[in-house]
Amino acid sequence: MNKNLSLIAVGILIFLLGLAGNLLMPFYLPYYHQIDSELVNHTVNVKVNPSLTEKVVNVTATDKNNTIYVVTNNSNVNVFIYYNNLTLAFNNSNGFIAARVTPGNYILAINNPTSSPQPVSVHYAVIPAYELSNFDSYSSIAGTVTEFIMAIGIVIAGIGLIKAIFSGKIGTKLDRILQTPDKSKGRK
């Protein structure tokens, strides 16, 4: 096989390994399953009218479970965490929030700043802070490493492709490989 074609194949293989590592992160990242199961088990669907704020649910934070993590399916909504006395504790305008809180009771609310009604699926969890921070750290590191591996694969395959194109042999080599009869069959 041509050296340039081998280089392309190696680059594609490295890219696929990086892609597999990226796609399989949920299976090897610590705390992924704990956080995911909490978010799946605590889901509320609400319809928020224009320019209104809807209460979603009351949650309780403890000394151990001291982080409120909220994710929505809509980035056009604002997420609010209120103290039990309706004083605003935290807010975020991107459809999610992760806030470390003191032990106590809180109210999760969603605000619709648009001019049309918004159906919103709200997933929330009250978890230990270390789970979320470790998950964020590990996923950032793993994501960076796998993206770097994919980039290396693209560069190697690109170099092989460029070398093959400029050598002018990619078409003729493939033709010869595909059309050359096996010479060992003719010998007896």
N, C-alpha and C. Protein backbone atom coordinates (compact mmCIF):
# COMPACT_ATOMS: atom_id res chain seq x y z
N MET A 1 0.85 -1.18 0.00
CA MET A 1 0.00 0.00 0.00
C MET A 1 0.89 1.24 0.00
N ASN A 2 0.43 2.25 -0.64
CA ASN A 2 1.15 3.50 -0.76
C ASN A 2 1.32 4.13 0.63
N LYS A 3 2.48 4.76 0.82
CA LYS A 3 2.77 5.41 2.10
C LYS A 3 1.76 6.51 2.41
N ASN A 4 1.32 7.25 1.41
CA ASN A 4 0.35 8.33 1.61
C ASN A 4 -1.02 7.78 2.00
N LEU A 5 -1.42 6.68 1.37
CA LEU A 5 -2.69 6.07 1.72
C LEU A 5 -2.65 5.51 3.14
N SER A 6 -1.50 4.99 3.53
CA SER A 6 -1.34 4.50 4.90
C SER A 6 -1.46 5.65 5.89
N LEU A 7 -0.90 6.79 5.55
CA LEU A 7 -0.98 7.97 6.40
C LEU A 7 -2.44 8.43 6.55
N ILE A 8 -3.18 8.41 5.46
CA ILE A 8 -4.61 8.77 5.52
C ILE A 8 -5.35 7.79 6.42
N ALA A 9 -5.09 6.50 6.26
CA ALA A 9 -5.77 5.48 7.06
C ALA A 9 -5.45 5.63 8.55
N VAL A 10 -4.19 5.90 8.87
CA VAL A 10 -3.79 6.09 10.27
C VAL A 10 -4.47 7.33 10.84
N GLY A 11 -4.53 8.40 10.08
CA GLY A 11 -5.20 9.62 10.53
C GLY A 11 -6.67 9.40 10.80
N ILE A 12 -7.33 8.68 9.91
CA ILE A 12 -8.75 8.38 10.11
C ILE A 12 -8.94 7.51 11.34
N LEU A 13 -8.08 6.54 11.55
CA LEU A 13 -8.16 5.67 12.73
C LEU A 13 -7.97 6.47 14.02
N ILE A 14 -6.99 7.36 14.04
CA ILE A 14 -6.77 8.20 15.23
C ILE A 14 -7.98 9.10 15.48
N PHE A 15 -8.53 9.68 14.41
CA PHE A 15 -9.73 10.50 14.56
C PHE A 15 -10.89 9.70 15.14
N LEU A 16 -11.10 8.48 14.63
CA LEU A 16 -12.19 7.64 15.13
C LEU A 16 -11.99 7.23 16.58
N LEU A 17 -10.74 7.01 16.99
CA LEU A 17 -10.47 6.70 18.40
C LEU A 17 -10.81 7.89 19.30
N GLY A 18 -10.44 9.09 18.88
CA GLY A 18 -10.78 10.29 19.64
C GLY A 18 -12.28 10.51 19.69
N LEU A 19 -12.96 10.28 18.58
CA LEU A 19 -14.41 10.43 18.53
C LEU A 19 -15.09 9.42 19.45
N ALA A 20 -14.61 8.19 19.45
CA ALA A 20 -15.17 7.16 20.33
C ALA A 20 -14.96 7.55 21.80
N GLY A 21 -13.78 8.04 22.12
CA GLY A 21 -13.52 8.49 23.49
C GLY A 21 -14.45 9.62 23.90
N ASN A 22 -14.74 10.52 22.97
CA ASN A 22 -15.63 11.64 23.26
C ASN A 22 -17.06 11.16 23.45
N LEU A 23 -17.53 10.29 22.58
CA LEU A 23 -18.91 9.81 22.65
C LEU A 23 -19.15 8.87 23.82
N LEU A 24 -18.11 8.19 24.28
CA LEU A 24 -18.26 7.22 25.37
C LEU A 24 -17.98 7.82 26.74
N MET A 25 -17.80 9.14 26.83
CA MET A 25 -17.53 9.78 28.13
C MET A 25 -18.55 9.42 29.21
N PRO A 26 -19.83 9.32 28.89
CA PRO A 26 -20.78 8.97 29.96
C PRO A 26 -20.48 7.63 30.64
N PHE A 27 -19.76 6.75 29.96
CA PHE A 27 -19.49 5.43 30.53
C PHE A 27 -18.26 5.41 31.43
N TYR A 28 -17.38 6.39 31.31
CA TYR A 28 -16.18 6.36 32.15
C TYR A 28 -15.98 7.59 33.03
N LEU A 29 -16.81 8.61 32.89
CA LEU A 29 -16.67 9.79 33.75
C LEU A 29 -17.29 9.54 35.12
N PRO A 30 -16.56 9.87 36.18
CA PRO A 30 -17.14 9.72 37.52
C PRO A 30 -18.30 10.68 37.72
N TYR A 31 -19.30 10.25 38.44
CA TYR A 31 -20.48 11.03 38.83
C TYR A 31 -21.46 11.28 37.70
N TYR A 32 -21.15 10.87 36.48
CA TYR A 32 -22.07 11.11 35.37
C TYR A 32 -23.41 10.45 35.63
N HIS A 33 -23.37 9.17 36.01
CA HIS A 33 -24.61 8.42 36.20
C HIS A 33 -25.42 8.93 37.39
N GLN A 34 -24.73 9.33 38.47
CA GLN A 34 -25.46 9.85 39.63
C GLN A 34 -26.21 11.14 39.26
N ILE A 35 -25.51 12.06 38.61
CA ILE A 35 -26.13 13.34 38.25
C ILE A 35 -27.22 13.12 37.21
N ASP A 36 -26.95 12.28 36.22
CA ASP A 36 -27.93 12.00 35.17
C ASP A 36 -29.20 11.37 35.75
N SER A 37 -29.04 10.40 36.63
CA SER A 37 -30.23 9.75 37.20
C SER A 37 -31.04 10.72 38.06
N GLU A 38 -30.36 11.60 38.79
CA GLU A 38 -31.08 12.62 39.57
C GLU A 38 -31.87 13.55 38.65
N LEU A 39 -31.26 13.98 37.57
CA LEU A 39 -31.95 14.89 36.64
C LEU A 39 -33.13 14.19 35.96
N VAL A 40 -32.96 12.92 35.61
CA VAL A 40 -34.05 12.19 34.97
C VAL A 40 -35.19 11.95 35.95
N ASN A 41 -34.86 11.63 37.20
CA ASN A 41 -35.89 11.33 38.20
C ASN A 41 -36.63 12.58 38.68
N HIS A 42 -36.06 13.75 38.50
CA HIS A 42 -36.69 14.99 38.94
C HIS A 42 -36.95 15.89 37.73
N THR A 43 -38.03 15.60 37.05
CA THR A 43 -38.39 16.36 35.85
C THR A 43 -39.80 16.92 36.01
N VAL A 44 -39.95 18.20 35.67
CA VAL A 44 -41.25 18.86 35.73
C VAL A 44 -41.46 19.57 34.39
N ASN A 45 -42.63 19.37 33.79
CA ASN A 45 -42.98 20.05 32.55
C ASN A 45 -43.96 21.17 32.87
N VAL A 46 -43.63 22.38 32.42
CA VAL A 46 -44.49 23.54 32.65
C VAL A 46 -44.66 24.32 31.36
N LYS A 47 -45.78 25.03 31.28
CA LYS A 47 -45.99 25.95 30.17
C LYS A 47 -45.95 27.35 30.77
N VAL A 48 -44.98 28.14 30.33
CA VAL A 48 -44.78 29.47 30.90
C VAL A 48 -45.32 30.51 29.90
N ASN A 49 -46.28 31.28 30.35
CA ASN A 49 -46.86 32.32 29.51
C ASN A 49 -45.88 33.47 29.31
N PRO A 50 -46.09 34.29 28.28
CA PRO A 50 -45.16 35.39 27.99
C PRO A 50 -44.99 36.35 29.16
N SER A 51 -43.76 36.74 29.39
CA SER A 51 -43.39 37.72 30.41
C SER A 51 -43.84 37.37 31.82
N LEU A 52 -44.01 36.09 32.10
CA LEU A 52 -44.40 35.65 33.43
C LEU A 52 -43.36 34.70 34.02
N THR A 53 -43.41 34.58 35.35
CA THR A 53 -42.55 33.64 36.05
C THR A 53 -43.43 32.58 36.70
N GLU A 54 -43.11 31.32 36.43
CA GLU A 54 -43.87 30.19 36.98
C GLU A 54 -43.03 29.47 38.03
N LYS A 55 -43.66 29.22 39.18
CA LYS A 55 -43.01 28.38 40.20
C LYS A 55 -43.00 26.94 39.69
N VAL A 56 -41.86 26.29 39.81
CA VAL A 56 -41.74 24.92 39.34
C VAL A 56 -41.85 23.94 40.49
N VAL A 57 -41.02 24.11 41.52
CA VAL A 57 -40.99 23.14 42.61
C VAL A 57 -40.26 23.73 43.81
N ASN A 58 -40.56 23.20 44.99
CA ASN A 58 -39.81 23.51 46.20
C ASN A 58 -38.73 22.44 46.38
N VAL A 59 -37.53 22.85 46.77
CA VAL A 59 -36.46 21.90 47.03
C VAL A 59 -35.82 22.24 48.37
N THR A 60 -35.20 21.22 48.96
CA THR A 60 -34.54 21.40 50.25
C THR A 60 -33.07 21.02 50.10
N ALA A 61 -32.20 21.90 50.53
CA ALA A 61 -30.76 21.64 50.52
C ALA A 61 -30.33 21.30 51.95
N THR A 62 -29.37 20.39 52.05
CA THR A 62 -28.84 19.99 53.36
C THR A 62 -27.35 20.28 53.40
N ASP A 63 -26.71 19.94 54.53
CA ASP A 63 -25.26 20.12 54.62
C ASP A 63 -24.55 19.30 53.56
N LYS A 64 -25.03 18.08 53.30
CA LYS A 64 -24.39 17.20 52.32
C LYS A 64 -24.80 17.55 50.89
N ASN A 65 -26.10 17.62 50.64
CA ASN A 65 -26.61 17.97 49.31
C ASN A 65 -26.82 19.47 49.25
N ASN A 66 -25.76 20.17 48.89
CA ASN A 66 -25.76 21.63 49.00
C ASN A 66 -25.63 22.37 47.68
N THR A 67 -25.89 21.67 46.55
CA THR A 67 -25.83 22.32 45.25
C THR A 67 -27.12 22.05 44.50
N ILE A 68 -27.75 23.11 44.01
CA ILE A 68 -28.95 22.97 43.20
C ILE A 68 -28.53 23.11 41.75
N TYR A 69 -28.86 22.08 40.98
CA TYR A 69 -28.49 22.02 39.56
C TYR A 69 -29.78 21.92 38.76
N VAL A 70 -30.01 22.89 37.87
CA VAL A 70 -31.22 22.92 37.07
C VAL A 70 -30.84 23.04 35.60
N VAL A 71 -31.44 22.17 34.77
CA VAL A 71 -31.22 22.20 33.33
C VAL A 71 -32.59 22.19 32.66
N THR A 72 -32.78 23.04 31.65
CA THR A 72 -34.04 23.05 30.92
C THR A 72 -33.78 22.68 29.46
N ASN A 73 -34.86 22.40 28.76
CA ASN A 73 -34.74 22.10 27.33
C ASN A 73 -34.85 23.36 26.48
N ASN A 74 -34.84 24.51 27.11
CA ASN A 74 -35.07 25.77 26.40
C ASN A 74 -34.10 26.83 26.91
N SER A 75 -33.22 27.29 26.05
CA SER A 75 -32.24 28.30 26.49
C SER A 75 -32.81 29.71 26.45
N ASN A 76 -34.07 29.87 26.04
CA ASN A 76 -34.70 31.19 25.99
C ASN A 76 -35.40 31.57 27.28
N VAL A 77 -35.25 30.75 28.32
CA VAL A 77 -35.92 31.05 29.59
C VAL A 77 -34.89 31.41 30.65
N ASN A 78 -35.37 32.09 31.68
CA ASN A 78 -34.53 32.44 32.82
C ASN A 78 -34.85 31.48 33.96
N VAL A 79 -33.83 31.02 34.65
CA VAL A 79 -34.01 30.13 35.80
C VAL A 79 -33.72 30.93 37.06
N PHE A 80 -34.64 30.86 38.01
CA PHE A 80 -34.49 31.56 39.29
C PHE A 80 -34.50 30.57 40.43
N ILE A 81 -33.67 30.82 41.43
CA ILE A 81 -33.73 30.11 42.70
C ILE A 81 -34.02 31.17 43.76
N TYR A 82 -35.16 30.99 44.44
CA TYR A 82 -35.58 31.93 45.47
C TYR A 82 -35.41 31.27 46.84
N TYR A 83 -35.09 32.11 47.83
CA TYR A 83 -35.19 31.63 49.21
C TYR A 83 -36.67 31.40 49.50
N ASN A 84 -36.94 30.70 50.56
CA ASN A 84 -38.32 30.39 50.92
C ASN A 84 -39.17 31.64 51.14
N ASN A 85 -38.54 32.77 51.51
CA ASN A 85 -39.27 34.03 51.73
C ASN A 85 -39.42 34.84 50.44
N LEU A 86 -39.16 34.21 49.28
CA LEU A 86 -39.29 34.80 47.95
C LEU A 86 -38.25 35.86 47.63
N THR A 87 -37.16 35.88 48.36
CA THR A 87 -36.03 36.74 48.02
C THR A 87 -35.17 35.97 47.00
N LEU A 88 -34.76 36.66 45.95
CA LEU A 88 -33.98 36.01 44.90
C LEU A 88 -32.61 35.61 45.42
N ALA A 89 -32.25 34.34 45.23
CA ALA A 89 -30.95 33.84 45.66
C ALA A 89 -29.98 33.81 44.47
N PHE A 90 -30.43 33.19 43.35
CA PHE A 90 -29.59 33.05 42.16
C PHE A 90 -30.47 33.10 40.92
N ASN A 91 -29.87 33.53 39.81
CA ASN A 91 -30.58 33.46 38.54
C ASN A 91 -29.59 33.31 37.40
N ASN A 92 -30.11 32.79 36.28
CA ASN A 92 -29.31 32.62 35.07
C ASN A 92 -30.24 32.72 33.88
N SER A 93 -29.80 33.37 32.83
CA SER A 93 -30.65 33.61 31.67
C SER A 93 -30.41 32.64 30.52
N ASN A 94 -29.70 31.55 30.75
CA ASN A 94 -29.40 30.62 29.66
C ASN A 94 -30.13 29.29 29.77
N GLY A 95 -31.12 29.18 30.63
CA GLY A 95 -31.88 27.95 30.73
C GLY A 95 -31.26 26.91 31.65
N PHE A 96 -30.23 27.25 32.39
CA PHE A 96 -29.65 26.32 33.35
C PHE A 96 -29.04 27.10 34.50
N ILE A 97 -28.81 26.40 35.60
CA ILE A 97 -28.14 27.02 36.74
C ILE A 97 -27.53 25.93 37.60
N ALA A 98 -26.41 26.23 38.18
CA ALA A 98 -25.76 25.37 39.17
C ALA A 98 -25.29 26.29 40.28
N ALA A 99 -25.89 26.15 41.46
CA ALA A 99 -25.58 27.08 42.54
C ALA A 99 -25.38 26.32 43.84
N ARG A 100 -24.26 26.61 44.50
CA ARG A 100 -24.03 26.05 45.83
C ARG A 100 -24.79 26.92 46.83
N VAL A 101 -25.59 26.28 47.65
CA VAL A 101 -26.47 27.01 48.56
C VAL A 101 -26.25 26.55 50.00
N THR A 102 -26.73 27.35 50.94
CA THR A 102 -26.70 26.97 52.35
C THR A 102 -27.90 26.07 52.62
N PRO A 103 -27.83 25.25 53.65
CA PRO A 103 -28.97 24.38 53.94
C PRO A 103 -30.25 25.20 54.15
N GLY A 104 -31.35 24.69 53.61
CA GLY A 104 -32.63 25.38 53.74
C GLY A 104 -33.58 25.02 52.63
N ASN A 105 -34.71 25.69 52.59
CA ASN A 105 -35.73 25.46 51.57
C ASN A 105 -35.64 26.54 50.50
N TYR A 106 -35.83 26.10 49.24
CA TYR A 106 -35.72 27.01 48.10
C TYR A 106 -36.86 26.75 47.13
N ILE A 107 -37.12 27.74 46.30
CA ILE A 107 -38.15 27.63 45.28
C ILE A 107 -37.46 27.78 43.92
N LEU A 108 -37.71 26.83 43.01
CA LEU A 108 -37.21 26.93 41.64
C LEU A 108 -38.31 27.53 40.79
N ALA A 109 -37.95 28.50 39.96
CA ALA A 109 -38.93 29.17 39.10
C ALA A 109 -38.33 29.40 37.72
N ILE A 110 -39.21 29.48 36.73
CA ILE A 110 -38.81 29.72 35.34
C ILE A 110 -39.52 30.98 34.87
N ASN A 111 -38.79 31.86 34.20
CA ASN A 111 -39.34 33.09 33.64
C ASN A 111 -39.25 33.02 32.13
N ASN A 112 -40.33 33.44 31.46
CA ASN A 112 -40.38 33.47 30.00
C ASN A 112 -40.28 34.93 29.54
N PRO A 113 -39.12 35.35 29.06
CA PRO A 113 -38.97 36.74 28.63
C PRO A 113 -39.47 37.01 27.21
N THR A 114 -39.94 35.98 26.51
CA THR A 114 -40.38 36.15 25.13
C THR A 114 -41.84 36.59 25.08
N SER A 115 -42.34 36.81 23.88
CA SER A 115 -43.72 37.25 23.70
C SER A 115 -44.66 36.12 23.33
N SER A 116 -44.20 34.88 23.42
CA SER A 116 -45.07 33.73 23.14
C SER A 116 -44.93 32.69 24.24
N PRO A 117 -45.96 31.88 24.46
CA PRO A 117 -45.88 30.85 25.49
C PRO A 117 -44.76 29.85 25.19
N GLN A 118 -44.12 29.36 26.25
CA GLN A 118 -42.99 28.44 26.09
C GLN A 118 -43.26 27.16 26.90
N PRO A 119 -43.30 26.00 26.23
CA PRO A 119 -43.31 24.76 27.00
C PRO A 119 -41.88 24.46 27.45
N VAL A 120 -41.71 24.19 28.73
CA VAL A 120 -40.36 24.00 29.26
C VAL A 120 -40.32 22.71 30.08
N SER A 121 -39.33 21.89 29.79
CA SER A 121 -39.07 20.70 30.59
C SER A 121 -37.91 21.04 31.52
N VAL A 122 -38.18 20.99 32.82
CA VAL A 122 -37.19 21.38 33.83
C VAL A 122 -36.67 20.12 34.52
N HIS A 123 -35.37 19.92 34.48
CA HIS A 123 -34.72 18.81 35.17
C HIS A 123 -33.88 19.42 36.29
N TYR A 124 -34.05 18.90 37.50
CA TYR A 124 -33.32 19.49 38.63
C TYR A 124 -32.78 18.39 39.53
N ALA A 125 -31.74 18.75 40.26
CA ALA A 125 -31.14 17.84 41.23
C ALA A 125 -30.55 18.66 42.36
N VAL A 126 -30.62 18.11 43.55
CA VAL A 126 -29.94 18.69 44.70
C VAL A 126 -28.88 17.68 45.09
N ILE A 127 -27.62 18.03 44.84
CA ILE A 127 -26.51 17.07 44.94
C ILE A 127 -25.36 17.68 45.73
N PRO A 128 -24.42 16.83 46.15
CA PRO A 128 -23.22 17.37 46.81
C PRO A 128 -22.40 18.20 45.82
N ALA A 129 -21.81 19.25 46.31
CA ALA A 129 -21.03 20.15 45.45
C ALA A 129 -19.85 19.44 44.80
N TYR A 130 -19.21 18.52 45.53
CA TYR A 130 -18.03 17.86 44.97
C TYR A 130 -18.39 17.01 43.75
N GLU A 131 -19.60 16.43 43.71
CA GLU A 131 -19.99 15.64 42.54
C GLU A 131 -20.04 16.50 41.29
N LEU A 132 -20.65 17.66 41.41
CA LEU A 132 -20.78 18.54 40.25
C LEU A 132 -19.43 19.13 39.84
N SER A 133 -18.62 19.55 40.82
CA SER A 133 -17.33 20.14 40.46
C SER A 133 -16.39 19.09 39.88
N ASN A 134 -16.39 17.88 40.44
CA ASN A 134 -15.56 16.82 39.88
C ASN A 134 -16.03 16.42 38.49
N PHE A 135 -17.34 16.33 38.31
CA PHE A 135 -17.88 16.00 36.99
C PHE A 135 -17.48 17.05 35.97
N ASP A 136 -17.61 18.33 36.33
CA ASP A 136 -17.22 19.41 35.41
C ASP A 136 -15.74 19.35 35.08
N SER A 137 -14.90 19.11 36.09
CA SER A 137 -13.46 19.05 35.87
C SER A 137 -13.08 17.89 34.97
N TYR A 138 -13.60 16.70 35.31
CA TYR A 138 -13.26 15.51 34.52
C TYR A 138 -13.79 15.60 33.10
N SER A 139 -15.01 16.12 32.93
CA SER A 139 -15.56 16.21 31.58
C SER A 139 -14.80 17.24 30.75
N SER A 140 -14.33 18.32 31.37
CA SER A 140 -13.54 19.31 30.64
C SER A 140 -12.21 18.71 30.19
N ILE A 141 -11.55 18.00 31.09
CA ILE A 141 -10.26 17.38 30.74
C ILE A 141 -10.45 16.32 29.67
N ALA A 142 -11.41 15.43 29.86
CA ALA A 142 -11.64 14.36 28.89
C ALA A 142 -12.06 14.93 27.54
N GLY A 143 -12.90 15.97 27.54
CA GLY A 143 -13.31 16.59 26.29
C GLY A 143 -12.14 17.22 25.55
N THR A 144 -11.27 17.89 26.28
CA THR A 144 -10.10 18.50 25.65
C THR A 144 -9.16 17.45 25.07
N VAL A 145 -8.92 16.38 25.83
CA VAL A 145 -8.01 15.32 25.35
C VAL A 145 -8.59 14.65 24.11
N THR A 146 -9.87 14.30 24.14
CA THR A 146 -10.44 13.61 22.97
C THR A 146 -10.52 14.53 21.75
N GLU A 147 -10.79 15.80 21.96
CA GLU A 147 -10.80 16.73 20.84
C GLU A 147 -9.40 16.91 20.27
N PHE A 148 -8.39 16.90 21.13
CA PHE A 148 -7.00 16.99 20.66
C PHE A 148 -6.64 15.76 19.83
N ILE A 149 -7.06 14.59 20.29
CA ILE A 149 -6.78 13.36 19.54
C ILE A 149 -7.47 13.41 18.18
N MET A 150 -8.72 13.88 18.15
CA MET A 150 -9.42 13.99 16.86
C MET A 150 -8.70 14.98 15.94
N ALA A 151 -8.22 16.09 16.48
CA ALA A 151 -7.51 17.08 15.66
C ALA A 151 -6.22 16.49 15.10
N ILE A 152 -5.50 15.72 15.91
CA ILE A 152 -4.28 15.07 15.42
C ILE A 152 -4.62 14.13 14.27
N GLY A 153 -5.70 13.37 14.42
CA GLY A 153 -6.13 12.46 13.35
C GLY A 153 -6.46 13.20 12.07
N ILE A 154 -7.15 14.33 12.20
CA ILE A 154 -7.50 15.13 11.01
C ILE A 154 -6.24 15.67 10.34
N VAL A 155 -5.29 16.14 11.14
CA VAL A 155 -4.04 16.68 10.59
C VAL A 155 -3.26 15.59 9.86
N ILE A 156 -3.13 14.42 10.47
CA ILE A 156 -2.38 13.33 9.84
C ILE A 156 -3.06 12.89 8.55
N ALA A 157 -4.38 12.71 8.59
CA ALA A 157 -5.09 12.31 7.37
C ALA A 157 -4.99 13.41 6.31
N GLY A 158 -5.06 14.67 6.73
CA GLY A 158 -4.93 15.77 5.78
C GLY A 158 -3.57 15.82 5.12
N ILE A 159 -2.52 15.59 5.91
CA ILE A 159 -1.16 15.56 5.35
C ILE A 159 -1.04 14.43 4.33
N GLY A 160 -1.56 13.27 4.69
CA GLY A 160 -1.52 12.14 3.75
C GLY A 160 -2.29 12.42 2.48
N LEU A 161 -3.45 13.05 2.60
CA LEU A 161 -4.26 13.37 1.43
C LEU A 161 -3.57 14.39 0.54
N ILE A 162 -3.00 15.43 1.15
CA ILE A 162 -2.29 16.45 0.37
C ILE A 162 -1.08 15.85 -0.34
N LYS A 163 -0.32 15.01 0.37
CA LYS A 163 0.84 14.37 -0.27
C LYS A 163 0.41 13.47 -1.41
N ALA A 164 -0.70 12.77 -1.24
CA ALA A 164 -1.19 11.87 -2.29
C ALA A 164 -1.67 12.65 -3.50
N ILE A 165 -2.35 13.76 -3.26
CA ILE A 165 -2.86 14.57 -4.37
C ILE A 165 -1.70 15.18 -5.15
N PHE A 166 -0.71 15.74 -4.44
CA PHE A 166 0.40 16.39 -5.14
C PHE A 166 1.38 15.41 -5.77
N SER A 167 1.38 14.18 -5.30
CA SER A 167 2.25 13.20 -5.96
C SER A 167 1.58 12.68 -7.22
N GLY A 168 0.27 12.88 -7.36
CA GLY A 168 -0.46 12.47 -8.55
C GLY A 168 -0.62 10.98 -8.67
N LYS A 169 -0.35 10.26 -7.63
CA LYS A 169 -0.37 8.81 -7.71
C LYS A 169 -1.58 8.18 -7.05
N ILE A 170 -2.43 8.97 -6.45
CA ILE A 170 -3.54 8.35 -5.72
C ILE A 170 -4.47 7.60 -6.66
N GLY A 171 -4.82 8.22 -7.77
CA GLY A 171 -5.71 7.55 -8.72
C GLY A 171 -5.05 6.37 -9.39
N THR A 172 -3.81 6.54 -9.82
CA THR A 172 -3.14 5.45 -10.53
C THR A 172 -2.83 4.28 -9.60
N LYS A 173 -2.47 4.54 -8.36
CA LYS A 173 -2.19 3.47 -7.40
C LYS A 173 -3.47 2.67 -7.12
N LEU A 174 -4.57 3.38 -6.91
CA LEU A 174 -5.83 2.69 -6.64
C LEU A 174 -6.25 1.86 -7.85
N ASP A 175 -6.08 2.42 -9.05
CA ASP A 175 -6.42 1.67 -10.26
C ASP A 175 -5.58 0.40 -10.36
N ARG A 176 -4.30 0.52 -10.09
CA ARG A 176 -3.43 -0.65 -10.16
C ARG A 176 -3.79 -1.69 -9.11
N ILE A 177 -4.12 -1.24 -7.93
CA ILE A 177 -4.49 -2.19 -6.86
C ILE A 177 -5.77 -2.92 -7.23
N LEU A 178 -6.74 -2.17 -7.77
CA LEU A 178 -8.04 -2.76 -8.06
C LEU A 178 -8.04 -3.59 -9.35
N GLN A 179 -7.19 -3.26 -10.31
CA GLN A 179 -7.25 -3.92 -11.60
C GLN A 179 -6.13 -4.91 -11.85
N THR A 180 -5.13 -4.96 -11.05
CA THR A 180 -4.00 -5.87 -11.28
C THR A 180 -4.43 -7.29 -10.89
N PRO A 181 -4.31 -8.22 -11.80
CA PRO A 181 -4.65 -9.60 -11.45
C PRO A 181 -3.58 -10.17 -10.51
N ASP A 182 -3.99 -11.10 -9.72
CA ASP A 182 -3.08 -11.74 -8.78
C ASP A 182 -2.10 -12.61 -9.56
N LYS A 183 -0.82 -12.28 -9.53
CA LYS A 183 0.21 -12.97 -10.30
C LYS A 183 0.52 -14.35 -9.74
N SER A 184 0.17 -14.58 -8.49
CA SER A 184 0.49 -15.88 -7.91
C SER A 184 -0.43 -16.98 -8.44
N LYS A 185 -1.60 -16.61 -9.00
CA LYS A 185 -2.51 -17.62 -9.54
C LYS A 185 -1.98 -18.21 -10.85
N GLY A 186 -1.24 -17.42 -11.59
CA GLY A 186 -0.71 -17.88 -12.87
C GLY A 186 0.48 -18.83 -12.70
N ARG A 187 1.15 -18.85 -11.61
CA ARG A 187 2.33 -19.70 -11.38
C ARG A 187 1.90 -21.04 -10.82
N LYS A 188 2.57 -22.06 -11.31
CA LYS A 188 2.30 -23.40 -10.78
C LYS A 188 3.55 -24.14 -10.53
